[in-house]
Amino acid sequence: MSSNVRFVVKHGGRLHGRIRVPGDKSISHRSIMLGAIAEGTTEVTGFLEGADSLATLQAFRDMGVPIEGPDNGHVVIHGVGLRGLKAPGKPLDMGNSGTAMRLMAGILAGQAFESELIGDASLSKRPMKRVTDPLGQMGAHIETAPGGTPPLHIHPVGEALHGIDYTLPMASAQVKSAILLAGLYAQGETCVTEPAPTRDHTERMLRGFGYEVHTEKLDAMRTRICLKGGGTLRGTRIDVPSDISSAAFFMVGAAIAEDADLVIEHVGINPTRTGVIDILKLMGADITLENEQTVGGEPVADIRVRSSQLKGIEIPPELVPLAIDEFPVLFVAAAVAEGTTVLRGAEELRVKESDRIQVMADALHTLGVDAEPTEDGMIIRGGKPFQPQQGVIDSHHDHRISMASAIAALRAPSNVVIDDCANVATSFPTFVELVRQAGLDIEVQHD
């Protein structure tokens, strides 16, 4: 049994200066996956050396892919081609990463060998039928545990998978990506229609590897993405921008802290990921983008955030899928904002690393905030000084809950204590070091 990692965060503080947060986790995962099944060598810089991305890297090593590094974010992948993966001699452990498991299911569904995907206790409770059902329609044979949860036992396909035209029941970049990756191994064309925009890193990166992907805008919300199976990916160079999900903690922190003026450098501002910026701006945050450029097909910028007086809003439904991972810290912004903030249409938050609606509501209650969880979101009546209750915040082994709660200490009248913070290493191994650098007083305890 591993020891509990606890954050003790001193109340108050101001964020200032310039920082660079680690590389984007979504892009780091995909760089390894596509580099491994490409022909030739792929060189990656800015790779996130967190537990989640390293689990993906190890899985491909276990399937015979030669990978050098990581060394300060530098990885060299010697691709084996679409059909060059070898049967792993053991289950592939995805740790805490739902992204890795769902995308890997797409790649492994088309292989001629048997494989098994496992994960930690948290991942083992997460729903996988949303991926295994459409993959089954393509001819894959994947067994789950009762209830549709991991482990995933993936049987070899006799003949190739066949393409399908699939409409996602709910917006999910992970499900979309799993189907498209399986489509690489399928006969004919595979198409996915998404009901609302989701992050498009998979489509962008496939094109970066020279693979043809067609995207058609059907109306204001719906997009149809298609590719044909049996092509070739060619090794390339990938510069992973800083992760906007990691930057979000600092964006909210600088918006709510006194006298803050913080620049977060080289952040990916892919339009399918900038919901957090749009929501904070609607709340009145002082955010400007500087030094905008395109690096490896992904737009990046330095994000400057200064203290501001936030106001409560009704979060527009079209922004919800574009900020789904950032809601834990956006709830903290809402707790400080004057007036009421209402989130609807975010039931996906209940099946993340934790039930992020209930767990964040509990965390805010511990801080004395009026937060009312609903089936698909939350109503937060903010603007009043935090009045902490007795007890510590339980992050339920969810890295984003731990970090969001630490940021809340900027406006707390007393120290904030957060339990079960070990998983911060999965997405943001340098979080403690960077928040200290920016101006937050945080202590890490082990017991």
Protein backbone atom coordinates (compact mmCIF):
# COMPACT_ATOMS: atom_id res chain seq x y z
CA MET A 1 0.00 0.00 0.00
CA SER A 2 1.58 3.28 -1.06
CA SER A 3 1.80 6.10 1.46
CA ASN A 4 -0.57 9.04 1.30
CA VAL A 5 0.80 12.19 -0.31
CA ARG A 6 -0.70 15.30 1.24
CA PHE A 7 -0.51 18.92 0.09
CA VAL A 8 -0.51 21.62 2.76
CA VAL A 9 -0.97 24.96 1.01
CA LYS A 10 -0.47 28.23 2.86
CA HIS A 11 -3.35 30.63 2.32
CA GLY A 12 -2.91 33.74 0.20
CA GLY A 13 -0.04 34.49 -2.17
CA ARG A 14 0.22 36.15 -5.53
CA LEU A 15 1.28 34.70 -8.86
CA HIS A 16 3.80 36.58 -10.97
CA GLY A 17 6.67 36.10 -13.43
CA ARG A 18 7.05 33.72 -16.37
CA ILE A 19 6.64 29.93 -16.25
CA ARG A 20 6.47 27.06 -18.72
CA VAL A 21 4.25 24.12 -17.86
CA PRO A 22 5.01 20.58 -19.13
CA GLY A 23 4.12 19.24 -22.56
CA ASP A 24 0.58 18.47 -23.61
CA LYS A 25 -0.52 15.04 -22.39
CA SER A 26 -2.94 14.38 -25.27
CA ILE A 27 -0.29 15.14 -27.89
CA SER A 28 2.41 13.22 -25.97
CA HIS A 29 0.25 10.04 -25.97
CA ARG A 30 -0.52 10.34 -29.66
CA SER A 31 3.10 11.08 -30.68
CA ILE A 32 4.19 7.70 -29.26
CA MET A 33 1.24 5.79 -30.71
CA LEU A 34 1.51 7.14 -34.24
CA GLY A 35 5.31 7.20 -34.22
CA ALA A 36 5.32 3.50 -33.27
CA ILE A 37 3.09 2.43 -36.19
CA ALA A 38 4.71 4.76 -38.73
CA GLU A 39 7.43 3.82 -41.20
CA GLY A 40 10.79 5.35 -40.30
CA THR A 41 11.93 7.48 -37.38
CA THR A 42 9.88 10.01 -35.40
CA GLU A 43 11.60 12.57 -33.20
CA VAL A 44 9.60 14.17 -30.37
CA THR A 45 10.59 17.19 -28.29
CA GLY A 46 8.62 18.55 -25.32
CA PHE A 47 7.28 15.07 -24.45
CA LEU A 48 5.49 14.98 -21.09
CA GLU A 49 7.42 12.69 -18.76
CA GLY A 50 4.43 11.98 -16.52
CA ALA A 51 3.25 8.54 -15.46
CA ASP A 52 0.37 8.44 -17.99
CA SER A 53 2.50 9.18 -21.08
CA LEU A 54 5.30 6.91 -19.85
CA ALA A 55 2.79 4.05 -19.57
CA THR A 56 1.96 4.49 -23.27
CA LEU A 57 5.66 4.55 -24.15
CA GLN A 58 6.31 1.37 -22.18
CA ALA A 59 3.36 -0.42 -23.81
CA PHE A 60 4.90 0.06 -27.27
CA ARG A 61 8.31 -1.04 -26.02
CA ASP A 62 6.53 -4.19 -24.79
CA MET A 63 5.24 -4.67 -28.35
CA GLY A 64 8.74 -4.54 -29.83
CA VAL A 65 9.05 -0.88 -30.82
CA PRO A 66 12.59 0.52 -30.28
CA ILE A 67 12.24 3.84 -28.43
CA GLU A 68 15.13 6.03 -27.20
CA GLY A 69 14.55 8.30 -24.20
CA PRO A 70 12.81 10.17 -22.81
CA ASP A 71 15.70 12.52 -22.08
CA ASN A 72 14.52 15.99 -21.00
CA GLY A 73 11.41 15.59 -23.15
CA HIS A 74 13.32 14.21 -26.16
CA VAL A 75 12.14 10.86 -27.54
CA VAL A 76 13.18 9.01 -30.71
CA ILE A 77 10.77 6.33 -31.96
CA HIS A 78 11.89 3.82 -34.59
CA GLY A 79 8.54 2.99 -36.14
CA VAL A 80 7.66 -0.57 -37.14
CA GLY A 81 4.80 0.25 -39.51
CA LEU A 82 1.08 -0.54 -39.21
CA ARG A 83 1.64 -4.31 -39.19
CA GLY A 84 4.94 -4.44 -37.29
CA LEU A 85 3.77 -4.60 -33.67
CA LYS A 86 4.52 -7.86 -31.84
CA ALA A 87 2.42 -9.69 -29.27
CA PRO A 88 3.26 -8.41 -25.78
CA GLY A 89 4.32 -11.09 -23.33
CA LYS A 90 2.19 -9.63 -20.56
CA PRO A 91 -0.82 -7.33 -20.01
CA LEU A 92 -0.23 -3.70 -21.04
CA ASP A 93 -0.64 -1.47 -17.99
CA MET A 94 -2.19 1.93 -18.79
CA GLY A 95 -1.92 3.10 -15.18
CA ASN A 96 -4.40 5.93 -14.59
CA SER A 97 -4.94 6.96 -18.21
CA GLY A 98 -8.36 6.64 -19.82
CA THR A 99 -6.98 8.33 -22.96
CA ALA A 100 -4.25 5.71 -23.34
CA MET A 101 -6.59 2.77 -22.78
CA ARG A 102 -9.30 3.94 -25.18
CA LEU A 103 -6.90 4.93 -27.98
CA MET A 104 -4.82 1.76 -27.54
CA ALA A 105 -8.02 -0.29 -27.84
CA GLY A 106 -8.46 1.21 -31.32
CA ILE A 107 -4.93 0.30 -32.42
CA LEU A 108 -4.97 -3.18 -30.86
CA ALA A 109 -8.44 -4.03 -32.23
CA GLY A 110 -6.92 -4.54 -35.68
CA GLN A 111 -3.93 -6.68 -34.70
CA ALA A 112 -3.37 -10.36 -35.48
CA PHE A 113 -2.32 -11.09 -31.89
CA GLU A 114 -4.01 -11.27 -28.53
CA SER A 115 -3.55 -8.46 -25.98
CA GLU A 116 -4.90 -7.26 -22.66
CA LEU A 117 -5.16 -3.68 -21.36
CA ILE A 118 -5.19 -3.17 -17.60
CA GLY A 119 -5.07 -0.10 -15.33
CA ASP A 120 -5.04 1.07 -11.74
CA ALA A 121 -8.03 0.95 -9.37
CA SER A 122 -9.43 4.25 -10.66
CA LEU A 123 -9.11 3.36 -14.36
CA SER A 124 -10.59 -0.08 -13.68
CA LYS A 125 -13.91 1.60 -12.81
CA ARG A 126 -14.18 3.74 -15.94
CA PRO A 127 -16.68 2.96 -18.74
CA MET A 128 -15.22 1.34 -21.85
CA LYS A 129 -18.33 0.15 -23.73
CA ARG A 130 -18.52 3.53 -25.48
CA VAL A 131 -15.31 2.37 -27.24
CA THR A 132 -15.73 -1.40 -27.38
CA ASP A 133 -19.26 -1.19 -28.89
CA PRO A 134 -18.29 0.75 -32.05
CA LEU A 135 -15.07 -1.28 -32.36
CA GLY A 136 -17.23 -4.39 -32.19
CA GLN A 137 -19.28 -3.02 -35.10
CA MET A 138 -16.00 -2.89 -37.05
CA GLY A 139 -15.41 -6.60 -36.38
CA ALA A 140 -13.22 -6.38 -33.29
CA HIS A 141 -13.67 -8.91 -30.49
CA ILE A 142 -13.04 -7.20 -27.13
CA GLU A 143 -14.12 -8.56 -23.75
CA THR A 144 -14.54 -6.29 -20.74
CA ALA A 145 -15.16 -6.95 -17.08
CA PRO A 146 -18.84 -7.14 -16.04
CA GLY A 147 -20.32 -3.65 -16.37
CA GLY A 148 -18.16 -2.74 -19.36
CA THR A 149 -15.09 -1.71 -17.38
CA PRO A 150 -11.40 -2.73 -17.73
CA PRO A 151 -9.51 -4.95 -18.11
CA LEU A 152 -9.96 -5.17 -21.89
CA HIS A 153 -9.16 -8.55 -23.40
CA ILE A 154 -8.62 -8.00 -27.14
CA HIS A 155 -8.74 -11.07 -29.38
CA PRO A 156 -6.91 -11.22 -32.70
CA VAL A 157 -8.91 -10.43 -35.82
CA GLY A 158 -9.13 -13.13 -38.44
CA GLU A 159 -9.55 -10.83 -41.40
CA ALA A 160 -9.17 -7.05 -41.44
CA LEU A 161 -11.65 -4.88 -39.60
CA HIS A 162 -14.24 -3.18 -41.81
CA GLY A 163 -14.93 0.54 -41.93
CA ILE A 164 -18.10 1.96 -40.37
CA ASP A 165 -19.97 5.26 -40.48
CA TYR A 166 -20.50 6.00 -36.79
CA THR A 167 -22.33 8.85 -35.06
CA LEU A 168 -21.07 9.48 -31.54
CA PRO A 169 -23.94 9.47 -29.00
CA MET A 170 -22.00 12.10 -27.01
CA ALA A 171 -19.00 14.28 -27.84
CA SER A 172 -15.79 12.41 -26.95
CA ALA A 173 -12.36 12.89 -28.48
CA GLN A 174 -11.23 9.57 -26.99
CA VAL A 175 -13.99 7.54 -28.65
CA LYS A 176 -13.58 9.43 -31.95
CA SER A 177 -9.83 8.78 -31.88
CA ALA A 178 -10.19 5.07 -31.03
CA ILE A 179 -12.49 4.52 -34.02
CA LEU A 180 -10.22 6.48 -36.40
CA LEU A 181 -7.14 4.57 -35.22
CA ALA A 182 -8.98 1.27 -35.73
CA GLY A 183 -9.93 2.63 -39.17
CA LEU A 184 -6.25 2.55 -40.15
CA TYR A 185 -6.56 -1.27 -39.97
CA ALA A 186 -9.99 -1.47 -41.62
CA GLN A 187 -11.05 -2.26 -45.17
CA GLY A 188 -12.77 0.68 -46.81
CA GLU A 189 -13.65 4.02 -45.27
CA THR A 190 -14.24 4.78 -41.59
CA CYS A 191 -16.23 7.90 -40.70
CA VAL A 192 -17.11 9.44 -37.34
CA THR A 193 -19.70 12.18 -36.88
CA GLU A 194 -19.36 14.13 -33.64
CA PRO A 195 -22.38 16.02 -32.20
CA ALA A 196 -20.18 18.87 -30.90
CA PRO A 197 -16.54 19.84 -31.48
CA THR A 198 -13.91 17.93 -29.48
CA ARG A 199 -10.13 18.13 -29.48
CA ASP A 200 -8.77 17.27 -32.93
CA HIS A 201 -5.18 16.29 -32.10
CA THR A 202 -5.58 12.84 -33.67
CA GLU A 203 -6.73 14.22 -37.03
CA ARG A 204 -4.01 16.89 -37.06
CA MET A 205 -1.28 14.44 -36.13
CA LEU A 206 -2.39 11.81 -38.67
CA ARG A 207 -2.02 14.50 -41.35
CA GLY A 208 1.39 15.39 -39.87
CA PHE A 209 2.40 11.75 -40.49
CA GLY A 210 1.26 12.10 -44.11
CA TYR A 211 -2.06 10.24 -43.72
CA GLU A 212 -5.09 11.61 -45.55
CA VAL A 213 -7.99 12.61 -43.28
CA HIS A 214 -11.12 14.36 -44.56
CA THR A 215 -13.05 16.70 -42.25
CA GLU A 216 -16.46 18.06 -43.21
CA LYS A 217 -18.42 20.62 -41.18
CA LEU A 218 -22.06 19.49 -41.32
CA ASP A 219 -23.51 22.44 -39.38
CA ALA A 220 -22.57 24.78 -36.52
CA MET A 221 -22.00 21.88 -34.12
CA ARG A 222 -21.54 18.64 -36.07
CA THR A 223 -18.39 17.52 -37.89
CA ARG A 224 -17.77 14.36 -39.92
CA ILE A 225 -14.24 12.94 -40.05
CA CYS A 226 -13.30 10.19 -42.53
CA LEU A 227 -10.22 8.16 -43.48
CA LYS A 228 -9.48 5.06 -45.56
CA GLY A 229 -7.68 2.05 -44.13
CA GLY A 230 -4.45 0.47 -45.28
CA GLY A 231 -2.38 3.61 -45.89
CA THR A 232 1.08 4.43 -44.57
CA LEU A 233 2.21 6.80 -41.83
CA ARG A 234 5.66 8.28 -42.35
CA GLY A 235 7.93 9.25 -39.46
CA THR A 236 8.10 12.96 -38.69
CA ARG A 237 9.20 15.55 -36.11
CA ILE A 238 6.80 16.64 -33.34
CA ASP A 239 7.29 19.59 -30.99
CA VAL A 240 4.80 19.09 -28.15
CA PRO A 241 3.44 22.45 -26.92
CA SER A 242 2.78 23.13 -23.23
CA ASP A 243 -0.48 21.60 -22.00
CA ILE A 244 -3.38 24.07 -21.78
CA SER A 245 -5.03 21.78 -19.18
CA SER A 246 -1.96 22.25 -16.95
CA ALA A 247 -1.80 25.97 -17.76
CA ALA A 248 -5.46 26.30 -16.66
CA PHE A 249 -4.53 26.02 -12.98
CA PHE A 250 -2.22 29.01 -13.32
CA MET A 251 -4.71 30.94 -15.45
CA VAL A 252 -7.38 30.64 -12.75
CA GLY A 253 -4.80 31.27 -10.02
CA ALA A 254 -3.61 34.52 -11.57
CA ALA A 255 -7.19 35.62 -12.24
CA ILE A 256 -8.25 35.19 -8.58
CA ALA A 257 -5.03 36.15 -6.73
CA GLU A 258 -4.27 39.68 -5.54
CA ASP A 259 -1.86 41.74 -7.70
CA ALA A 260 -1.09 38.84 -10.03
CA ASP A 261 0.65 39.21 -13.40
CA LEU A 262 1.72 35.86 -14.85
CA VAL A 263 2.92 34.75 -18.30
CA ILE A 264 2.59 31.04 -19.19
CA GLU A 265 4.85 30.34 -22.15
CA HIS A 266 4.40 28.27 -25.35
CA VAL A 267 0.93 26.93 -24.53
CA GLY A 268 -1.02 24.96 -27.13
CA ILE A 269 -4.10 27.01 -28.12
CA ASN A 270 -5.73 24.49 -30.45
CA PRO A 271 -9.27 25.89 -30.95
CA THR A 272 -10.77 22.57 -29.80
CA ARG A 273 -9.05 23.06 -26.41
CA THR A 274 -9.49 26.77 -25.63
CA GLY A 275 -12.86 26.55 -23.87
CA VAL A 276 -11.13 27.40 -20.58
CA ILE A 277 -9.88 30.71 -22.02
CA ASP A 278 -13.30 31.54 -23.49
CA ILE A 279 -15.10 30.73 -20.23
CA LEU A 280 -12.68 32.76 -18.10
CA LYS A 281 -12.98 35.72 -20.49
CA LEU A 282 -16.79 35.53 -20.25
CA MET A 283 -16.33 35.69 -16.47
CA GLY A 284 -14.28 38.88 -16.88
CA ALA A 285 -10.73 37.50 -16.63
CA ASP A 286 -7.89 39.68 -17.95
CA ILE A 287 -6.24 37.27 -20.42
CA THR A 288 -4.15 38.18 -23.45
CA LEU A 289 -2.37 35.98 -25.99
CA GLU A 290 1.15 36.99 -27.00
CA ASN A 291 3.74 35.61 -29.43
CA GLU A 292 1.21 33.51 -31.38
CA GLN A 293 2.71 31.01 -33.86
CA THR A 294 2.16 27.56 -35.36
CA VAL A 295 4.52 24.75 -34.34
CA GLY A 296 4.19 21.32 -35.95
CA GLY A 297 0.63 21.99 -37.07
CA GLU A 298 -0.53 23.12 -33.61
CA PRO A 299 -1.11 26.81 -32.73
CA VAL A 300 0.78 28.03 -29.64
CA ALA A 301 1.02 31.31 -27.71
CA ASP A 302 2.23 32.84 -24.46
CA ILE A 303 -0.78 33.45 -22.19
CA ARG A 304 -0.66 36.51 -19.93
CA VAL A 305 -3.14 36.65 -17.03
CA ARG A 306 -3.63 39.46 -14.52
CA SER A 307 -5.83 39.80 -11.44
CA SER A 308 -9.44 40.59 -12.21
CA GLN A 309 -12.88 40.74 -10.63
CA LEU A 310 -14.70 37.68 -11.94
CA LYS A 311 -18.48 37.42 -12.29
CA GLY A 312 -20.73 34.38 -12.34
CA ILE A 313 -22.10 33.18 -15.70
CA GLU A 314 -24.21 30.48 -17.30
CA ILE A 315 -21.57 28.45 -19.14
CA PRO A 316 -22.53 28.20 -22.85
CA PRO A 317 -23.22 24.56 -23.79
CA GLU A 318 -20.98 24.69 -26.87
CA LEU A 319 -17.98 25.45 -24.66
CA VAL A 320 -18.51 22.48 -22.32
CA PRO A 321 -16.75 19.79 -24.44
CA LEU A 322 -13.93 22.27 -25.18
CA ALA A 323 -13.13 22.62 -21.44
CA ILE A 324 -14.14 19.25 -20.03
CA ASP A 325 -10.82 18.61 -18.26
CA GLU A 326 -10.55 22.12 -16.86
CA PHE A 327 -13.81 22.22 -14.90
CA PRO A 328 -12.31 21.31 -11.50
CA VAL A 329 -10.29 24.54 -11.48
CA LEU A 330 -13.05 26.51 -13.24
CA PHE A 331 -15.26 25.60 -10.27
CA VAL A 332 -12.70 27.40 -8.09
CA ALA A 333 -12.96 30.49 -10.33
CA ALA A 334 -16.76 30.29 -9.98
CA ALA A 335 -16.47 30.10 -6.18
CA VAL A 336 -14.58 33.42 -6.17
CA ALA A 337 -16.71 35.08 -8.87
CA GLU A 338 -19.45 37.52 -7.86
CA GLY A 339 -22.86 35.96 -8.42
CA THR A 340 -24.00 32.54 -9.60
CA THR A 341 -22.27 30.26 -12.10
CA VAL A 342 -24.29 27.44 -13.69
CA LEU A 343 -22.82 24.47 -15.55
CA ARG A 344 -25.09 22.05 -17.44
CA GLY A 345 -24.48 19.28 -19.98
CA ALA A 346 -21.28 18.01 -18.33
CA GLU A 347 -22.39 14.56 -17.14
CA GLU A 348 -19.09 13.25 -18.60
CA LEU A 349 -17.41 14.72 -15.48
CA ARG A 350 -19.00 11.98 -13.38
CA VAL A 351 -16.95 9.25 -15.10
CA LYS A 352 -13.49 10.82 -15.10
CA GLU A 353 -10.69 9.77 -12.69
CA SER A 354 -13.25 10.52 -10.01
CA ASP A 355 -16.84 11.79 -10.03
CA ARG A 356 -15.56 15.33 -10.54
CA ILE A 357 -18.95 16.94 -9.96
CA GLN A 358 -19.47 15.39 -6.52
CA VAL A 359 -15.82 15.42 -5.43
CA MET A 360 -15.34 19.11 -6.34
CA ALA A 361 -18.64 20.00 -4.67
CA ASP A 362 -17.36 18.28 -1.51
CA ALA A 363 -14.04 20.15 -1.78
CA LEU A 364 -15.82 23.49 -2.15
CA HIS A 365 -18.09 22.66 0.82
CA THR A 366 -14.94 22.09 2.90
CA LEU A 367 -13.92 25.64 1.91
CA GLY A 368 -17.34 26.95 2.93
CA VAL A 369 -18.57 27.58 -0.62
CA ASP A 370 -22.23 27.25 -1.65
CA ALA A 371 -21.86 24.59 -4.37
CA GLU A 372 -24.86 22.53 -5.45
CA PRO A 373 -24.06 19.45 -7.56
CA THR A 374 -26.62 18.50 -10.22
CA GLU A 375 -26.93 15.43 -12.39
CA ASP A 376 -24.98 17.03 -15.26
CA GLY A 377 -23.13 19.95 -13.68
CA MET A 378 -23.07 22.35 -10.77
CA ILE A 379 -24.58 25.58 -9.46
CA ILE A 380 -22.05 27.69 -7.55
CA ARG A 381 -23.11 30.80 -5.69
CA GLY A 382 -19.81 32.62 -5.37
CA GLY A 383 -18.34 35.92 -4.33
CA LYS A 384 -18.40 35.44 -0.57
CA PRO A 385 -15.18 34.98 1.44
CA PHE A 386 -14.27 31.31 1.92
CA GLN A 387 -15.24 30.05 5.39
CA PRO A 388 -13.41 26.74 5.73
CA GLN A 389 -15.12 23.92 7.63
CA GLN A 390 -13.26 21.39 9.76
CA GLY A 391 -11.45 18.67 7.86
CA VAL A 392 -9.23 18.15 4.86
CA ILE A 393 -10.10 17.96 1.18
CA ASP A 394 -10.12 14.40 -0.19
CA SER A 395 -8.99 14.44 -3.83
CA HIS A 396 -10.12 10.81 -4.34
CA HIS A 397 -6.81 10.06 -6.09
CA ASP A 398 -7.70 12.56 -8.85
CA HIS A 399 -4.82 14.78 -9.94
CA ARG A 400 -7.02 17.63 -11.19
CA ILE A 401 -8.96 17.79 -7.91
CA SER A 402 -5.68 18.01 -5.97
CA MET A 403 -4.30 20.84 -8.11
CA ALA A 404 -7.58 22.80 -8.28
CA SER A 405 -7.91 22.64 -4.49
CA ALA A 406 -4.33 23.91 -4.10
CA ILE A 407 -5.15 26.93 -6.28
CA ALA A 408 -8.20 27.67 -4.08
CA ALA A 409 -5.76 28.42 -1.22
CA LEU A 410 -4.98 31.74 -2.95
CA ARG A 411 -8.32 33.05 -1.62
CA ALA A 412 -8.64 31.01 1.58
CA PRO A 413 -8.36 32.66 5.04
CA SER A 414 -6.43 29.68 6.43
CA ASN A 415 -4.20 26.89 5.14
CA VAL A 416 -5.74 24.28 2.82
CA VAL A 417 -4.91 20.60 3.35
CA ILE A 418 -5.50 18.10 0.53
CA ASP A 419 -5.20 14.31 0.87
CA ASP A 420 -4.41 11.64 -1.73
CA CYS A 421 -2.30 13.78 -4.10
CA ALA A 422 0.13 11.15 -5.45
CA ASN A 423 -1.56 11.11 -8.86
CA VAL A 424 -0.51 14.69 -9.65
CA ALA A 425 2.59 12.99 -11.11
CA THR A 426 0.42 11.40 -13.83
CA SER A 427 -0.19 14.66 -15.67
CA PHE A 428 1.95 17.35 -14.06
CA PRO A 429 5.10 16.04 -12.35
CA THR A 430 6.53 19.56 -11.81
CA PHE A 431 3.34 21.14 -10.42
CA VAL A 432 4.65 21.74 -6.89
CA GLU A 433 7.92 23.21 -8.17
CA LEU A 434 6.14 25.57 -10.60
CA VAL A 435 3.47 26.85 -8.18
CA ARG A 436 6.26 27.62 -5.72
CA GLN A 437 8.15 29.44 -8.47
CA ALA A 438 5.02 31.46 -9.32
CA GLY A 439 4.34 32.45 -5.69
CA LEU A 440 2.30 29.79 -3.85
CA ASP A 441 3.61 28.35 -0.57
CA ILE A 442 2.99 24.58 -0.75
CA GLU A 443 4.39 21.77 1.37
CA VAL A 444 4.30 18.07 0.42
CA GLN A 445 3.92 15.56 3.25
CA HIS A 446 4.12 11.75 3.12
CA ASP A 447 2.46 9.57 5.72
